[in-house]
Amino acid sequence: MERLRDTTQETVFLSVPKHNNTLTIDQIDPQQSVRLVDYVDAILPLHCTSNGMIFLGYLPKSELENLLHRPLEQCTPKTIT
């Protein structure tokens, strides 16, 4: 994570799937961060985070279809639902 942060100069998150959400378990910010928000222990819907969208991309088709049969929460005005 540190090497990725140092290479990109961006915040790096380590998240795991939890039910239909992501749980961020670690976060490393660059020294010159534009904003500082601590997402550790935050639980967010899979479709509302970049990490969650990666998890969705690797779900088996049956699990993805099951997830998409429910309404998706709109977290921001730009959330894709």
C-alpha atoms as a PDB file:
ATOM      1  CA  MET A   1       0.000   0.000   0.000  1.00  0.00           C
ATOM      2  CA  GLU A   2       2.831   2.390   0.823  1.00  0.00           C
ATOM      3  CA  ARG A   3       4.539   1.721  -2.502  1.00  0.00           C
ATOM      4  CA  LEU A   4       1.277   2.380  -4.387  1.00  0.00           C
ATOM      5  CA  ARG A   5       0.706   5.587  -2.405  1.00  0.00           C
ATOM      6  CA  ASP A   6       4.258   6.764  -3.060  1.00  0.00           C
ATOM      7  CA  THR A   7       3.978   5.988  -6.778  1.00  0.00           C
ATOM      8  CA  THR A   8       0.587   7.640  -7.300  1.00  0.00           C
ATOM      9  CA  GLN A   9       0.646  10.286  -4.552  1.00  0.00           C
ATOM     10  CA  GLU A  10      -2.988   9.309  -3.920  1.00  0.00           C
ATOM     11  CA  THR A  11      -4.842   7.865  -0.952  1.00  0.00           C
ATOM     12  CA  VAL A  12      -4.819   4.055  -0.935  1.00  0.00           C
ATOM     13  CA  PHE A  13      -7.629   2.040   0.650  1.00  0.00           C
ATOM     14  CA  LEU A  14      -7.732  -1.610   1.680  1.00  0.00           C
ATOM     15  CA  SER A  15     -11.339  -2.755   1.698  1.00  0.00           C
ATOM     16  CA  VAL A  16     -13.126  -6.080   2.018  1.00  0.00           C
ATOM     17  CA  PRO A  17     -16.643  -6.996   0.921  1.00  0.00           C
ATOM     18  CA  LYS A  18     -19.179  -7.255   3.737  1.00  0.00           C
ATOM     19  CA  HIS A  19     -22.683  -8.341   2.703  1.00  0.00           C
ATOM     20  CA  ASN A  20     -23.639  -5.840  -0.047  1.00  0.00           C
ATOM     21  CA  ASN A  21     -21.142  -3.263   1.185  1.00  0.00           C
ATOM     22  CA  THR A  22     -17.440  -2.594   1.481  1.00  0.00           C
ATOM     23  CA  LEU A  23     -15.632  -2.254   4.784  1.00  0.00           C
ATOM     24  CA  THR A  24     -12.448  -0.200   4.662  1.00  0.00           C
ATOM     25  CA  ILE A  25      -9.912  -1.769   7.003  1.00  0.00           C
ATOM     26  CA  ASP A  26      -6.889   0.403   6.224  1.00  0.00           C
ATOM     27  CA  GLN A  27      -6.110   3.712   4.564  1.00  0.00           C
ATOM     28  CA  ILE A  28      -2.831   5.443   3.757  1.00  0.00           C
ATOM     29  CA  ASP A  29      -2.830   9.110   2.705  1.00  0.00           C
ATOM     30  CA  PRO A  30      -0.071  10.945   0.828  1.00  0.00           C
ATOM     31  CA  GLN A  31       1.806  13.743   2.576  1.00  0.00           C
ATOM     32  CA  GLN A  32       0.340  16.402   0.263  1.00  0.00           C
ATOM     33  CA  SER A  33      -3.283  15.281   0.417  1.00  0.00           C
ATOM     34  CA  VAL A  34      -5.961  17.664  -0.865  1.00  0.00           C
ATOM     35  CA  ARG A  35      -8.502  16.362   1.645  1.00  0.00           C
ATOM     36  CA  LEU A  36      -8.234  14.146   4.687  1.00  0.00           C
ATOM     37  CA  VAL A  37     -11.186  11.884   5.388  1.00  0.00           C
ATOM     38  CA  ASP A  38     -10.712   8.752   7.455  1.00  0.00           C
ATOM     39  CA  TYR A  39     -12.760   5.933   5.937  1.00  0.00           C
ATOM     40  CA  VAL A  40     -11.358   3.176   8.195  1.00  0.00           C
ATOM     41  CA  ASP A  41     -14.267   1.158   9.617  1.00  0.00           C
ATOM     42  CA  ALA A  42     -16.661   2.877   7.190  1.00  0.00           C
ATOM     43  CA  ILE A  43     -19.227   0.604   5.579  1.00  0.00           C
ATOM     44  CA  LEU A  44     -20.457   1.833   2.192  1.00  0.00           C
ATOM     45  CA  PRO A  45     -22.589   0.202  -0.533  1.00  0.00           C
ATOM     46  CA  LEU A  46     -20.580  -1.710  -3.121  1.00  0.00           C
ATOM     47  CA  HIS A  47     -21.853   0.397  -6.018  1.00  0.00           C
ATOM     48  CA  CYS A  48     -20.770   3.672  -4.328  1.00  0.00           C
ATOM     49  CA  THR A  49     -17.023   3.098  -4.092  1.00  0.00           C
ATOM     50  CA  SER A  50     -14.255   2.282  -6.544  1.00  0.00           C
ATOM     51  CA  ASN A  51     -13.225  -0.716  -4.426  1.00  0.00           C
ATOM     52  CA  GLY A  52     -16.828  -1.904  -4.325  1.00  0.00           C
ATOM     53  CA  MET A  53     -17.183  -1.629  -8.097  1.00  0.00           C
ATOM     54  CA  ILE A  54     -14.095  -3.820  -8.480  1.00  0.00           C
ATOM     55  CA  PHE A  55     -15.705  -6.432  -6.191  1.00  0.00           C
ATOM     56  CA  LEU A  56     -18.919  -6.231  -8.267  1.00  0.00           C
ATOM     57  CA  GLY A  57     -16.922  -6.854 -11.433  1.00  0.00           C
ATOM     58  CA  TYR A  58     -15.697 -10.182 -10.074  1.00  0.00           C
ATOM     59  CA  LEU A  59     -18.976 -11.471  -8.629  1.00  0.00           C
ATOM     60  CA  PRO A  60     -20.441 -14.569 -10.224  1.00  0.00           C
ATOM     61  CA  LYS A  61     -23.305 -13.629 -12.556  1.00  0.00           C
ATOM     62  CA  SER A  62     -25.953 -15.186 -10.274  1.00  0.00           C
ATOM     63  CA  GLU A  63     -24.770 -13.170  -7.247  1.00  0.00           C
ATOM     64  CA  LEU A  64     -24.626  -9.948  -9.260  1.00  0.00           C
ATOM     65  CA  GLU A  65     -28.148 -10.491 -10.619  1.00  0.00           C
ATOM     66  CA  ASN A  66     -29.414 -11.172  -7.094  1.00  0.00           C
ATOM     67  CA  LEU A  67     -27.826  -7.944  -5.852  1.00  0.00           C
ATOM     68  CA  LEU A  68     -29.227  -5.877  -8.730  1.00  0.00           C
ATOM     69  CA  HIS A  69     -32.808  -7.061  -8.127  1.00  0.00           C
ATOM     70  CA  ARG A  70     -32.920  -4.733  -5.108  1.00  0.00           C
ATOM     71  CA  PRO A  71     -33.048  -0.929  -5.351  1.00  0.00           C
ATOM     72  CA  LEU A  72     -29.591   0.666  -5.158  1.00  0.00           C
ATOM     73  CA  GLU A  73     -29.092   3.427  -2.579  1.00  0.00           C
ATOM     74  CA  GLN A  74     -28.227   6.842  -3.976  1.00  0.00           C
ATOM     75  CA  CYS A  75     -25.377   8.153  -1.766  1.00  0.00           C
ATOM     76  CA  THR A  76     -24.616  11.280  -3.813  1.00  0.00           C
ATOM     77  CA  PRO A  77     -26.345  13.118  -6.671  1.00  0.00           C
ATOM     78  CA  LYS A  78     -23.951  11.334  -9.077  1.00  0.00           C
ATOM     79  CA  THR A  79     -24.378   7.785  -7.722  1.00  0.00           C
ATOM     80  CA  ILE A  80     -25.249   5.402 -10.533  1.00  0.00           C
ATOM     81  CA  THR A  81     -28.395   3.526  -9.551  1.00  0.00           C
END
